[in-house]
Amino acid sequence: PQGGPLSPLLANVMLDDLDRYLESKHYRFARYADDFVISVKSFI
């Protein structure tokens, strides 16, 4: 539930696997909670 003091930390715990996956691929990205962007050099 959004609104509790514990929720933001739990959200980051849940998405830590995503961060590790993107890092293992050496992708350039930035994440803020559930908003994230991966920077690339071409559309393909």
PDB file of all heavy atoms in Angstrom:
ATOM      1  N   PRO A   1       0.816  -1.221   0.000  1.00  0.00           N
ATOM      2  CA  PRO A   1       0.000   0.000   0.000  1.00  0.00           C
ATOM      3  C   PRO A   1       0.845   1.264   0.000  1.00  0.00           C
ATOM      4  O   PRO A   1       1.760   1.412   0.818  1.00  0.00           O
ATOM      5  CB  PRO A   1      -0.818  -0.116   1.291  1.00  0.00           C
ATOM      6  CG  PRO A   1      -0.026  -1.041   2.169  1.00  0.00           C
ATOM      7  CD  PRO A   1       0.652  -2.000   1.245  1.00  0.00           C
ATOM      8  N   GLN A   2       0.566   2.165  -0.933  1.00  0.00           N
ATOM      9  CA  GLN A   2       1.224   3.463  -0.935  1.00  0.00           C
ATOM     10  C   GLN A   2       0.661   4.300   0.209  1.00  0.00           C
ATOM     11  O   GLN A   2      -0.542   4.451   0.318  1.00  0.00           O
ATOM     12  CB  GLN A   2       0.989   4.180  -2.260  1.00  0.00           C
ATOM     13  CG  GLN A   2       1.614   3.521  -3.465  1.00  0.00           C
ATOM     14  CD  GLN A   2       1.490   4.382  -4.705  1.00  0.00           C
ATOM     15  OE1 GLN A   2       2.128   5.415  -4.828  1.00  0.00           O
ATOM     16  NE2 GLN A   2       0.667   3.948  -5.643  1.00  0.00           N
ATOM     17  N   GLY A   3       1.521   4.821   1.029  1.00  0.00           N
ATOM     18  CA  GLY A   3       1.070   5.644   2.143  1.00  0.00           C
ATOM     19  C   GLY A   3       1.716   5.283   3.460  1.00  0.00           C
ATOM     20  O   GLY A   3       1.693   6.068   4.407  1.00  0.00           O
ATOM     21  N   GLY A   4       2.304   4.096   3.545  1.00  0.00           N
ATOM     22  CA  GLY A   4       2.973   3.691   4.773  1.00  0.00           C
ATOM     23  C   GLY A   4       4.467   3.954   4.721  1.00  0.00           C
ATOM     24  O   GLY A   4       5.078   3.885   3.655  1.00  0.00           O
ATOM     25  N   PRO A   5       5.108   4.244   5.860  1.00  0.00           N
ATOM     26  CA  PRO A   5       6.550   4.534   5.881  1.00  0.00           C
ATOM     27  C   PRO A   5       7.424   3.386   5.409  1.00  0.00           C
ATOM     28  O   PRO A   5       8.546   3.595   4.944  1.00  0.00           O
ATOM     29  CB  PRO A   5       6.820   4.852   7.360  1.00  0.00           C
ATOM     30  CG  PRO A   5       5.496   5.230   7.931  1.00  0.00           C
ATOM     31  CD  PRO A   5       4.484   4.419   7.179  1.00  0.00           C
ATOM     32  N   LEU A   6       6.929   2.158   5.517  1.00  0.00           N
ATOM     33  CA  LEU A   6       7.725   0.989   5.147  1.00  0.00           C
ATOM     34  C   LEU A   6       7.662   0.684   3.649  1.00  0.00           C
ATOM     35  O   LEU A   6       8.571   0.055   3.094  1.00  0.00           O
ATOM     36  CB  LEU A   6       7.240  -0.230   5.951  1.00  0.00           C
ATOM     37  CG  LEU A   6       7.999  -1.546   5.825  1.00  0.00           C
ATOM     38  CD1 LEU A   6       9.467  -1.376   6.211  1.00  0.00           C
ATOM     39  CD2 LEU A   6       7.339  -2.618   6.704  1.00  0.00           C
ATOM     40  N   SER A   7       6.612   1.143   2.986  1.00  0.00           N
ATOM     41  CA  SER A   7       6.367   0.772   1.587  1.00  0.00           C
ATOM     42  C   SER A   7       7.493   1.168   0.625  1.00  0.00           C
ATOM     43  O   SER A   7       7.865   0.369  -0.241  1.00  0.00           O
ATOM     44  CB  SER A   7       5.041   1.371   1.115  1.00  0.00           C
ATOM     45  OG  SER A   7       3.968   0.848   1.879  1.00  0.00           O
ATOM     46  N   PRO A   8       8.054   2.387   0.711  1.00  0.00           N
ATOM     47  CA  PRO A   8       9.126   2.742  -0.224  1.00  0.00           C
ATOM     48  C   PRO A   8      10.331   1.813  -0.139  1.00  0.00           C
ATOM     49  O   PRO A   8      10.914   1.447  -1.168  1.00  0.00           O
ATOM     50  CB  PRO A   8       9.488   4.177   0.185  1.00  0.00           C
ATOM     51  CG  PRO A   8       8.253   4.714   0.823  1.00  0.00           C
ATOM     52  CD  PRO A   8       7.659   3.547   1.549  1.00  0.00           C
ATOM     53  N   LEU A   9      10.712   1.423   1.070  1.00  0.00           N
ATOM     54  CA  LEU A   9      11.853   0.515   1.225  1.00  0.00           C
ATOM     55  C   LEU A   9      11.528  -0.849   0.627  1.00  0.00           C
ATOM     56  O   LEU A   9      12.360  -1.445  -0.075  1.00  0.00           O
ATOM     57  CB  LEU A   9      12.203   0.371   2.708  1.00  0.00           C
ATOM     58  CG  LEU A   9      13.357  -0.595   3.032  1.00  0.00           C
ATOM     59  CD1 LEU A   9      14.650  -0.129   2.377  1.00  0.00           C
ATOM     60  CD2 LEU A   9      13.540  -0.730   4.546  1.00  0.00           C
ATOM     61  N   LEU A  10      10.318  -1.338   0.862  1.00  0.00           N
ATOM     62  CA  LEU A  10       9.922  -2.631   0.292  1.00  0.00           C
ATOM     63  C   LEU A  10       9.878  -2.570  -1.227  1.00  0.00           C
ATOM     64  O   LEU A  10      10.222  -3.542  -1.909  1.00  0.00           O
ATOM     65  CB  LEU A  10       8.557  -3.049   0.850  1.00  0.00           C
ATOM     66  CG  LEU A  10       8.499  -3.333   2.357  1.00  0.00           C
ATOM     67  CD1 LEU A  10       7.091  -3.726   2.776  1.00  0.00           C
ATOM     68  CD2 LEU A  10       9.498  -4.416   2.752  1.00  0.00           C
ATOM     69  N   ALA A  11       9.462  -1.437  -1.784  1.00  0.00           N
ATOM     70  CA  ALA A  11       9.449  -1.275  -3.242  1.00  0.00           C
ATOM     71  C   ALA A  11      10.854  -1.378  -3.811  1.00  0.00           C
ATOM     72  O   ALA A  11      11.082  -2.036  -4.834  1.00  0.00           O
ATOM     73  CB  ALA A  11       8.816   0.064  -3.616  1.00  0.00           C
ATOM     74  N   ASN A  12      11.814  -0.740  -3.140  1.00  0.00           N
ATOM     75  CA  ASN A  12      13.201  -0.822  -3.599  1.00  0.00           C
ATOM     76  C   ASN A  12      13.756  -2.236  -3.470  1.00  0.00           C
ATOM     77  O   ASN A  12      14.544  -2.686  -4.313  1.00  0.00           O
ATOM     78  CB  ASN A  12      14.070   0.155  -2.808  1.00  0.00           C
ATOM     79  CG  ASN A  12      14.030   1.567  -3.377  1.00  0.00           C
ATOM     80  OD1 ASN A  12      13.781   1.761  -4.569  1.00  0.00           O
ATOM     81  ND2 ASN A  12      14.284   2.558  -2.544  1.00  0.00           N
ATOM     82  N   VAL A  13      13.357  -2.944  -2.418  1.00  0.00           N
ATOM     83  CA  VAL A  13      13.782  -4.339  -2.262  1.00  0.00           C
ATOM     84  C   VAL A  13      13.272  -5.173  -3.428  1.00  0.00           C
ATOM     85  O   VAL A  13      14.001  -5.984  -4.021  1.00  0.00           O
ATOM     86  CB  VAL A  13      13.272  -4.911  -0.921  1.00  0.00           C
ATOM     87  CG1 VAL A  13      13.452  -6.428  -0.887  1.00  0.00           C
ATOM     88  CG2 VAL A  13      14.004  -4.272   0.246  1.00  0.00           C
ATOM     89  N   MET A  14      12.000  -4.962  -3.786  1.00  0.00           N
ATOM     90  CA  MET A  14      11.395  -5.743  -4.872  1.00  0.00           C
ATOM     91  C   MET A  14      12.074  -5.477  -6.203  1.00  0.00           C
ATOM     92  O   MET A  14      12.247  -6.393  -7.021  1.00  0.00           O
ATOM     93  CB  MET A  14       9.900  -5.399  -4.974  1.00  0.00           C
ATOM     94  CG  MET A  14       9.134  -6.303  -5.915  1.00  0.00           C
ATOM     95  SD  MET A  14       9.083  -7.997  -5.308  1.00  0.00           S
ATOM     96  CE  MET A  14       8.526  -8.869  -6.760  1.00  0.00           C
ATOM     97  N   LEU A  15      12.474  -4.227  -6.431  1.00  0.00           N
ATOM     98  CA  LEU A  15      13.058  -3.866  -7.728  1.00  0.00           C
ATOM     99  C   LEU A  15      14.579  -3.955  -7.746  1.00  0.00           C
ATOM    100  O   LEU A  15      15.200  -3.637  -8.762  1.00  0.00           O
ATOM    101  CB  LEU A  15      12.607  -2.453  -8.109  1.00  0.00           C
ATOM    102  CG  LEU A  15      11.118  -2.333  -8.466  1.00  0.00           C
ATOM    103  CD1 LEU A  15      10.728  -0.884  -8.669  1.00  0.00           C
ATOM    104  CD2 LEU A  15      10.785  -3.157  -9.709  1.00  0.00           C
ATOM    105  N   ASP A  16      15.166  -4.386  -6.641  1.00  0.00           N
ATOM    106  CA  ASP A  16      16.625  -4.529  -6.621  1.00  0.00           C
ATOM    107  C   ASP A  16      17.086  -5.585  -7.620  1.00  0.00           C
ATOM    108  O   ASP A  16      18.153  -5.446  -8.234  1.00  0.00           O
ATOM    109  CB  ASP A  16      17.096  -4.892  -5.214  1.00  0.00           C
ATOM    110  CG  ASP A  16      18.610  -4.924  -5.097  1.00  0.00           C
ATOM    111  OD1 ASP A  16      19.242  -3.876  -5.350  1.00  0.00           O
ATOM    112  OD2 ASP A  16      19.163  -5.999  -4.779  1.00  0.00           O
ATOM    113  N   ASP A  17      16.288  -6.621  -7.811  1.00  0.00           N
ATOM    114  CA  ASP A  17      16.640  -7.648  -8.807  1.00  0.00           C
ATOM    115  C   ASP A  17      16.702  -7.051 -10.209  1.00  0.00           C
ATOM    116  O   ASP A  17      17.553  -7.437 -11.027  1.00  0.00           O
ATOM    117  CB  ASP A  17      15.610  -8.782  -8.782  1.00  0.00           C
ATOM    118  CG  ASP A  17      15.876  -9.775  -7.661  1.00  0.00           C
ATOM    119  OD1 ASP A  17      16.648  -9.434  -6.744  1.00  0.00           O
ATOM    120  OD2 ASP A  17      15.301 -10.878  -7.691  1.00  0.00           O
ATOM    121  N   LEU A  18      15.779  -6.140 -10.497  1.00  0.00           N
ATOM    122  CA  LEU A  18      15.794  -5.465 -11.800  1.00  0.00           C
ATOM    123  C   LEU A  18      17.083  -4.669 -11.968  1.00  0.00           C
ATOM    124  O   LEU A  18      17.728  -4.729 -13.029  1.00  0.00           O
ATOM    125  CB  LEU A  18      14.580  -4.548 -11.935  1.00  0.00           C
ATOM    126  CG  LEU A  18      14.558  -3.625 -13.161  1.00  0.00           C
ATOM    127  CD1 LEU A  18      14.497  -4.439 -14.456  1.00  0.00           C
ATOM    128  CD2 LEU A  18      13.384  -2.647 -13.077  1.00  0.00           C
ATOM    129  N   ASP A  19      17.455  -3.939 -10.919  1.00  0.00           N
ATOM    130  CA  ASP A  19      18.696  -3.154 -10.979  1.00  0.00           C
ATOM    131  C   ASP A  19      19.896  -4.055 -11.245  1.00  0.00           C
ATOM    132  O   ASP A  19      20.764  -3.734 -12.077  1.00  0.00           O
ATOM    133  CB  ASP A  19      18.912  -2.395  -9.667  1.00  0.00           C
ATOM    134  CG  ASP A  19      17.824  -1.362  -9.386  1.00  0.00           C
ATOM    135  OD1 ASP A  19      17.158  -0.941 -10.348  1.00  0.00           O
ATOM    136  OD2 ASP A  19      17.655  -0.993  -8.210  1.00  0.00           O
ATOM    137  N   ARG A  20      19.957  -5.172 -10.545  1.00  0.00           N
ATOM    138  CA  ARG A  20      21.095  -6.088 -10.704  1.00  0.00           C
ATOM    139  C   ARG A  20      21.117  -6.697 -12.109  1.00  0.00           C
ATOM    140  O   ARG A  20      22.192  -6.900 -12.693  1.00  0.00           O
ATOM    141  CB  ARG A  20      21.029  -7.201  -9.650  1.00  0.00           C
ATOM    142  CG  ARG A  20      21.125  -6.691  -8.229  1.00  0.00           C
ATOM    143  CD  ARG A  20      22.351  -5.828  -8.013  1.00  0.00           C
ATOM    144  NE  ARG A  20      22.375  -5.193  -6.701  1.00  0.00           N
ATOM    145  CZ  ARG A  20      23.238  -4.261  -6.347  1.00  0.00           C
ATOM    146  NH1 ARG A  20      24.147  -3.827  -7.217  1.00  0.00           N
ATOM    147  NH2 ARG A  20      23.204  -3.728  -5.142  1.00  0.00           N
ATOM    148  N   TYR A  21      19.944  -6.992 -12.638  1.00  0.00           N
ATOM    149  CA  TYR A  21      19.871  -7.537 -13.985  1.00  0.00           C
ATOM    150  C   TYR A  21      20.408  -6.528 -14.998  1.00  0.00           C
ATOM    151  O   TYR A  21      21.222  -6.874 -15.871  1.00  0.00           O
ATOM    152  CB  TYR A  21      18.435  -7.919 -14.316  1.00  0.00           C
ATOM    153  CG  TYR A  21      18.224  -8.285 -15.770  1.00  0.00           C
ATOM    154  CD1 TYR A  21      18.599  -9.535 -16.250  1.00  0.00           C
ATOM    155  CD2 TYR A  21      17.678  -7.375 -16.659  1.00  0.00           C
ATOM    156  CE1 TYR A  21      18.430  -9.876 -17.591  1.00  0.00           C
ATOM    157  CE2 TYR A  21      17.497  -7.698 -17.998  1.00  0.00           C
ATOM    158  CZ  TYR A  21      17.878  -8.941 -18.458  1.00  0.00           C
ATOM    159  OH  TYR A  21      17.713  -9.263 -19.783  1.00  0.00           O
ATOM    160  N   LEU A  22      19.956  -5.280 -14.893  1.00  0.00           N
ATOM    161  CA  LEU A  22      20.392  -4.245 -15.829  1.00  0.00           C
ATOM    162  C   LEU A  22      21.895  -3.982 -15.698  1.00  0.00           C
ATOM    163  O   LEU A  22      22.587  -3.759 -16.690  1.00  0.00           O
ATOM    164  CB  LEU A  22      19.610  -2.954 -15.585  1.00  0.00           C
ATOM    165  CG  LEU A  22      18.096  -3.033 -15.845  1.00  0.00           C
ATOM    166  CD1 LEU A  22      17.423  -1.718 -15.466  1.00  0.00           C
ATOM    167  CD2 LEU A  22      17.810  -3.370 -17.310  1.00  0.00           C
ATOM    168  N   GLU A  23      22.396  -4.034 -14.459  1.00  0.00           N
ATOM    169  CA  GLU A  23      23.835  -3.848 -14.253  1.00  0.00           C
ATOM    170  C   GLU A  23      24.632  -5.003 -14.855  1.00  0.00           C
ATOM    171  O   GLU A  23      25.711  -4.789 -15.426  1.00  0.00           O
ATOM    172  CB  GLU A  23      24.133  -3.727 -12.756  1.00  0.00           C
ATOM    173  CG  GLU A  23      23.736  -2.389 -12.157  1.00  0.00           C
ATOM    174  CD  GLU A  23      24.067  -2.295 -10.680  1.00  0.00           C
ATOM    175  OE1 GLU A  23      24.194  -3.352 -10.017  1.00  0.00           O
ATOM    176  OE2 GLU A  23      24.203  -1.172 -10.174  1.00  0.00           O
ATOM    177  N   SER A  24      24.110  -6.218 -14.738  1.00  0.00           N
ATOM    178  CA  SER A  24      24.822  -7.377 -15.283  1.00  0.00           C
ATOM    179  C   SER A  24      24.935  -7.296 -16.801  1.00  0.00           C
ATOM    180  O   SER A  24      25.859  -7.861 -17.392  1.00  0.00           O
ATOM    181  CB  SER A  24      24.104  -8.671 -14.884  1.00  0.00           C
ATOM    182  OG  SER A  24      22.866  -8.809 -15.583  1.00  0.00           O
ATOM    183  N   LYS A  25      24.000  -6.570 -17.428  1.00  0.00           N
ATOM    184  CA  LYS A  25      24.025  -6.381 -18.874  1.00  0.00           C
ATOM    185  C   LYS A  25      24.823  -5.137 -19.273  1.00  0.00           C
ATOM    186  O   LYS A  25      24.964  -4.833 -20.461  1.00  0.00           O
ATOM    187  CB  LYS A  25      22.594  -6.247 -19.400  1.00  0.00           C
ATOM    188  CG  LYS A  25      21.732  -7.487 -19.227  1.00  0.00           C
ATOM    189  CD  LYS A  25      22.145  -8.581 -20.196  1.00  0.00           C
ATOM    190  CE  LYS A  25      21.187  -9.745 -20.167  1.00  0.00           C
ATOM    191  NZ  LYS A  25      21.510 -10.760 -21.190  1.00  0.00           N
ATOM    192  N   HIS A  26      25.316  -4.413 -18.247  1.00  0.00           N
ATOM    193  CA  HIS A  26      26.092  -3.185 -18.468  1.00  0.00           C
ATOM    194  C   HIS A  26      25.272  -2.107 -19.195  1.00  0.00           C
ATOM    195  O   HIS A  26      25.801  -1.335 -19.994  1.00  0.00           O
ATOM    196  CB  HIS A  26      27.380  -3.478 -19.251  1.00  0.00           C
ATOM    197  CG  HIS A  26      28.247  -4.509 -18.601  1.00  0.00           C
ATOM    198  ND1 HIS A  26      28.952  -4.274 -17.436  1.00  0.00           N
ATOM    199  CD2 HIS A  26      28.508  -5.810 -18.942  1.00  0.00           C
ATOM    200  CE1 HIS A  26      29.608  -5.360 -17.085  1.00  0.00           C
ATOM    201  NE2 HIS A  26      29.358  -6.312 -17.981  1.00  0.00           N
ATOM    202  N   TYR A  27      23.967  -2.070 -18.885  1.00  0.00           N
ATOM    203  CA  TYR A  27      23.113  -1.043 -19.466  1.00  0.00           C
ATOM    204  C   TYR A  27      23.197   0.237 -18.639  1.00  0.00           C
ATOM    205  O   TYR A  27      23.388   0.192 -17.418  1.00  0.00           O
ATOM    206  CB  TYR A  27      21.655  -1.511 -19.517  1.00  0.00           C
ATOM    207  CG  TYR A  27      21.409  -2.691 -20.428  1.00  0.00           C
ATOM    208  CD1 TYR A  27      20.391  -3.603 -20.152  1.00  0.00           C
ATOM    209  CD2 TYR A  27      22.187  -2.892 -21.567  1.00  0.00           C
ATOM    210  CE1 TYR A  27      20.154  -4.686 -20.983  1.00  0.00           C
ATOM    211  CE2 TYR A  27      21.955  -3.974 -22.403  1.00  0.00           C
ATOM    212  CZ  TYR A  27      20.943  -4.876 -22.095  1.00  0.00           C
ATOM    213  OH  TYR A  27      20.722  -5.942 -22.923  1.00  0.00           O
ATOM    214  N   ARG A  28      23.037   1.346 -19.312  1.00  0.00           N
ATOM    215  CA  ARG A  28      23.014   2.641 -18.617  1.00  0.00           C
ATOM    216  C   ARG A  28      21.556   2.957 -18.262  1.00  0.00           C
ATOM    217  O   ARG A  28      20.705   3.059 -19.143  1.00  0.00           O
ATOM    218  CB  ARG A  28      23.595   3.739 -19.506  1.00  0.00           C
ATOM    219  CG  ARG A  28      23.676   5.073 -18.799  1.00  0.00           C
ATOM    220  CD  ARG A  28      24.198   6.187 -19.686  1.00  0.00           C
ATOM    221  NE  ARG A  28      24.396   7.366 -18.863  1.00  0.00           N
ATOM    222  CZ  ARG A  28      25.533   7.692 -18.281  1.00  0.00           C
ATOM    223  NH1 ARG A  28      26.597   6.948 -18.486  1.00  0.00           N
ATOM    224  NH2 ARG A  28      25.629   8.763 -17.511  1.00  0.00           N
ATOM    225  N   PHE A  29      21.266   3.127 -16.970  1.00  0.00           N
ATOM    226  CA  PHE A  29      19.884   3.367 -16.574  1.00  0.00           C
ATOM    227  C   PHE A  29      19.820   4.209 -15.306  1.00  0.00           C
ATOM    228  O   PHE A  29      20.819   4.374 -14.588  1.00  0.00           O
ATOM    229  CB  PHE A  29      19.148   2.036 -16.353  1.00  0.00           C
ATOM    230  CG  PHE A  29      19.565   1.286 -15.115  1.00  0.00           C
ATOM    231  CD1 PHE A  29      18.822   1.360 -13.950  1.00  0.00           C
ATOM    232  CD2 PHE A  29      20.708   0.490 -15.117  1.00  0.00           C
ATOM    233  CE1 PHE A  29      19.199   0.664 -12.806  1.00  0.00           C
ATOM    234  CE2 PHE A  29      21.101  -0.215 -13.986  1.00  0.00           C
ATOM    235  CZ  PHE A  29      20.342  -0.125 -12.825  1.00  0.00           C
ATOM    236  N   ALA A  30      18.638   4.732 -15.048  1.00  0.00           N
ATOM    237  CA  ALA A  30      18.357   5.475 -13.817  1.00  0.00           C
ATOM    238  C   ALA A  30      16.959   5.074 -13.363  1.00  0.00           C
ATOM    239  O   ALA A  30      16.024   5.038 -14.167  1.00  0.00           O
ATOM    240  CB  ALA A  30      18.441   6.973 -14.049  1.00  0.00           C
ATOM    241  N   ARG A  31      16.829   4.774 -12.081  1.00  0.00           N
ATOM    242  CA  ARG A  31      15.524   4.379 -11.545  1.00  0.00           C
ATOM    243  C   ARG A  31      15.166   5.221 -10.337  1.00  0.00           C
ATOM    244  O   ARG A  31      15.997   5.465  -9.461  1.00  0.00           O
ATOM    245  CB  ARG A  31      15.519   2.883 -11.158  1.00  0.00           C
ATOM    246  CG  ARG A  31      14.149   2.410 -10.645  1.00  0.00           C
ATOM    247  CD  ARG A  31      14.122   0.928 -10.356  1.00  0.00           C
ATOM    248  NE  ARG A  31      14.977   0.553  -9.237  1.00  0.00           N
ATOM    249  CZ  ARG A  31      14.628   0.691  -7.950  1.00  0.00           C
ATOM    250  NH1 ARG A  31      13.460   1.205  -7.619  1.00  0.00           N
ATOM    251  NH2 ARG A  31      15.468   0.302  -7.006  1.00  0.00           N
ATOM    252  N   TYR A  32      13.922   5.652 -10.308  1.00  0.00           N
ATOM    253  CA  TYR A  32      13.358   6.323  -9.130  1.00  0.00           C
ATOM    254  C   TYR A  32      12.049   5.612  -8.810  1.00  0.00           C
ATOM    255  O   TYR A  32      11.066   5.745  -9.528  1.00  0.00           O
ATOM    256  CB  TYR A  32      13.110   7.806  -9.400  1.00  0.00           C
ATOM    257  CG  TYR A  32      12.608   8.546  -8.175  1.00  0.00           C
ATOM    258  CD1 TYR A  32      13.509   9.088  -7.262  1.00  0.00           C
ATOM    259  CD2 TYR A  32      11.243   8.686  -7.914  1.00  0.00           C
ATOM    260  CE1 TYR A  32      13.070   9.740  -6.130  1.00  0.00           C
ATOM    261  CE2 TYR A  32      10.799   9.333  -6.784  1.00  0.00           C
ATOM    262  CZ  TYR A  32      11.707   9.863  -5.896  1.00  0.00           C
ATOM    263  OH  TYR A  32      11.270  10.516  -4.755  1.00  0.00           O
ATOM    264  N   ALA A  33      12.053   4.799  -7.741  1.00  0.00           N
ATOM    265  CA  ALA A  33      10.903   3.964  -7.393  1.00  0.00           C
ATOM    266  C   ALA A  33      10.561   3.078  -8.592  1.00  0.00           C
ATOM    267  O   ALA A  33      11.426   2.370  -9.108  1.00  0.00           O
ATOM    268  CB  ALA A  33       9.724   4.819  -6.935  1.00  0.00           C
ATOM    269  N   ASP A  34       9.317   3.152  -9.092  1.00  0.00           N
ATOM    270  CA  ASP A  34       8.942   2.294 -10.217  1.00  0.00           C
ATOM    271  C   ASP A  34       9.093   2.986 -11.566  1.00  0.00           C
ATOM    272  O   ASP A  34       8.692   2.424 -12.596  1.00  0.00           O
ATOM    273  CB  ASP A  34       7.505   1.790 -10.046  1.00  0.00           C
ATOM    274  CG  ASP A  34       6.502   2.933  -9.925  1.00  0.00           C
ATOM    275  OD1 ASP A  34       6.868   3.991  -9.384  1.00  0.00           O
ATOM    276  OD2 ASP A  34       5.351   2.768 -10.365  1.00  0.00           O
ATOM    277  N   ASP A  35       9.670   4.177 -11.574  1.00  0.00           N
ATOM    278  CA  ASP A  35       9.958   4.882 -12.833  1.00  0.00           C
ATOM    279  C   ASP A  35      11.424   4.666 -13.197  1.00  0.00           C
ATOM    280  O   ASP A  35      12.313   5.027 -12.419  1.00  0.00           O
ATOM    281  CB  ASP A  35       9.677   6.383 -12.694  1.00  0.00           C
ATOM    282  CG  ASP A  35       8.198   6.690 -12.585  1.00  0.00           C
ATOM    283  OD1 ASP A  35       7.435   6.181 -13.415  1.00  0.00           O
ATOM    284  OD2 ASP A  35       7.804   7.427 -11.665  1.00  0.00           O
ATOM    285  N   PHE A  36      11.683   4.090 -14.352  1.00  0.00           N
ATOM    286  CA  PHE A  36      13.075   3.906 -14.758  1.00  0.00           C
ATOM    287  C   PHE A  36      13.224   4.082 -16.263  1.00  0.00           C
ATOM    288  O   PHE A  36      12.294   3.846 -17.039  1.00  0.00           O
ATOM    289  CB  PHE A  36      13.617   2.541 -14.304  1.00  0.00           C
ATOM    290  CG  PHE A  36      13.020   1.355 -14.997  1.00  0.00           C
ATOM    291  CD1 PHE A  36      13.696   0.731 -16.037  1.00  0.00           C
ATOM    292  CD2 PHE A  36      11.793   0.836 -14.605  1.00  0.00           C
ATOM    293  CE1 PHE A  36      13.164  -0.379 -16.671  1.00  0.00           C
ATOM    294  CE2 PHE A  36      11.247  -0.273 -15.228  1.00  0.00           C
ATOM    295  CZ  PHE A  36      11.935  -0.880 -16.273  1.00  0.00           C
ATOM    296  N   VAL A  37      14.414   4.537 -16.643  1.00  0.00           N
ATOM    297  CA  VAL A  37      14.740   4.805 -18.034  1.00  0.00           C
ATOM    298  C   VAL A  37      16.090   4.158 -18.342  1.00  0.00           C
ATOM    299  O   VAL A  37      17.038   4.270 -17.548  1.00  0.00           O
ATOM    300  CB  VAL A  37      14.808   6.320 -18.311  1.00  0.00           C
ATOM    301  CG1 VAL A  37      15.485   6.601 -19.640  1.00  0.00           C
ATOM    302  CG2 VAL A  37      13.403   6.917 -18.319  1.00  0.00           C
ATOM    303  N   ILE A  38      16.163   3.467 -19.482  1.00  0.00           N
ATOM    304  CA  ILE A  38      17.421   2.884 -19.945  1.00  0.00           C
ATOM    305  C   ILE A  38      17.885   3.702 -21.148  1.00  0.00           C
ATOM    306  O   ILE A  38      17.146   3.849 -22.129  1.00  0.00           O
ATOM    307  CB  ILE A  38      17.243   1.409 -20.345  1.00  0.00           C
ATOM    308  CG1 ILE A  38      16.609   0.622 -19.199  1.00  0.00           C
ATOM    309  CG2 ILE A  38      18.585   0.795 -20.741  1.00  0.00           C
ATOM    310  CD1 ILE A  38      16.128  -0.762 -19.598  1.00  0.00           C
ATOM    311  N   SER A  39      19.075   4.240 -21.074  1.00  0.00           N
ATOM    312  CA  SER A  39      19.614   5.064 -22.159  1.00  0.00           C
ATOM    313  C   SER A  39      20.336   4.183 -23.175  1.00  0.00           C
ATOM    314  O   SER A  39      21.172   3.347 -22.796  1.00  0.00           O
ATOM    315  CB  SER A  39      20.574   6.123 -21.602  1.00  0.00           C
ATOM    316  OG  SER A  39      19.901   6.977 -20.692  1.00  0.00           O
ATOM    317  N   VAL A  40      20.014   4.372 -24.446  1.00  0.00           N
ATOM    318  CA  VAL A  40      20.632   3.587 -25.521  1.00  0.00           C
ATOM    319  C   VAL A  40      21.033   4.524 -26.657  1.00  0.00           C
ATOM    320  O   VAL A  40      20.652   5.695 -26.675  1.00  0.00           O
ATOM    321  CB  VAL A  40      19.669   2.493 -26.046  1.00  0.00           C
ATOM    322  CG1 VAL A  40      19.381   1.471 -24.956  1.00  0.00           C
ATOM    323  CG2 VAL A  40      18.371   3.115 -26.553  1.00  0.00           C
ATOM    324  N   LYS A  41      21.779   3.981 -27.617  1.00  0.00           N
ATOM    325  CA  LYS A  41      22.297   4.834 -28.695  1.00  0.00           C
ATOM    326  C   LYS A  41      21.560   4.672 -30.017  1.00  0.00           C
ATOM    327  O   LYS A  41      21.837   5.413 -30.965  1.00  0.00           O
ATOM    328  CB  LYS A  41      23.790   4.569 -28.880  1.00  0.00           C
ATOM    329  CG  LYS A  41      24.621   5.055 -27.695  1.00  0.00           C
ATOM    330  CD  LYS A  41      26.104   5.016 -27.981  1.00  0.00           C
ATOM    331  CE  LYS A  41      26.898   5.641 -26.830  1.00  0.00           C
ATOM    332  NZ  LYS A  41      28.358   5.660 -27.090  1.00  0.00           N
ATOM    333  N   SER A  42      20.647   3.695 -30.097  1.00  0.00           N
ATOM    334  CA  SER A  42      19.888   3.538 -31.342  1.00  0.00           C
ATOM    335  C   SER A  42      18.519   2.955 -31.041  1.00  0.00           C
ATOM    336  O   SER A  42      18.305   2.307 -30.003  1.00  0.00           O
ATOM    337  CB  SER A  42      20.631   2.629 -32.324  1.00  0.00           C
ATOM    338  OG  SER A  42      20.592   1.276 -31.879  1.00  0.00           O
ATOM    339  N   PHE A  43      17.600   3.177 -31.957  1.00  0.00           N
ATOM    340  CA  PHE A  43      16.242   2.662 -31.795  1.00  0.00           C
ATOM    341  C   PHE A  43      16.231   1.140 -31.809  1.00  0.00           C
ATOM    342  O   PHE A  43      15.532   0.505 -31.000  1.00  0.00           O
ATOM    343  CB  PHE A  43      15.351   3.208 -32.924  1.00  0.00           C
ATOM    344  CG  PHE A  43      13.927   2.743 -32.846  1.00  0.00           C
ATOM    345  CD1 PHE A  43      13.022   3.361 -31.997  1.00  0.00           C
ATOM    346  CD2 PHE A  43      13.487   1.675 -33.617  1.00  0.00           C
ATOM    347  CE1 PHE A  43      11.704   2.924 -31.917  1.00  0.00           C
ATOM    348  CE2 PHE A  43      12.170   1.237 -33.549  1.00  0.00           C
ATOM    349  CZ  PHE A  43      11.282   1.862 -32.698  1.00  0.00           C
ATOM    350  N   ILE A  44      17.005   0.537 -32.690  1.00  0.00           N
ATOM    351  CA  ILE A  44      17.044  -0.927 -32.800  1.00  0.00           C
ATOM    352  C   ILE A  44      17.569  -1.546 -31.511  1.00  0.00           C
ATOM    353  O   ILE A  44      17.017  -2.527 -31.002  1.00  0.00           O
ATOM    354  CB  ILE A  44      17.914  -1.352 -34.007  1.00  0.00           C
ATOM    355  CG1 ILE A  44      17.267  -0.887 -35.319  1.00  0.00           C
ATOM    356  CG2 ILE A  44      18.119  -2.861 -34.007  1.00  0.00           C
ATOM    357  CD1 ILE A  44      18.110  -1.165 -36.549  1.00  0.00           C
TER     358      ILE A  44
END
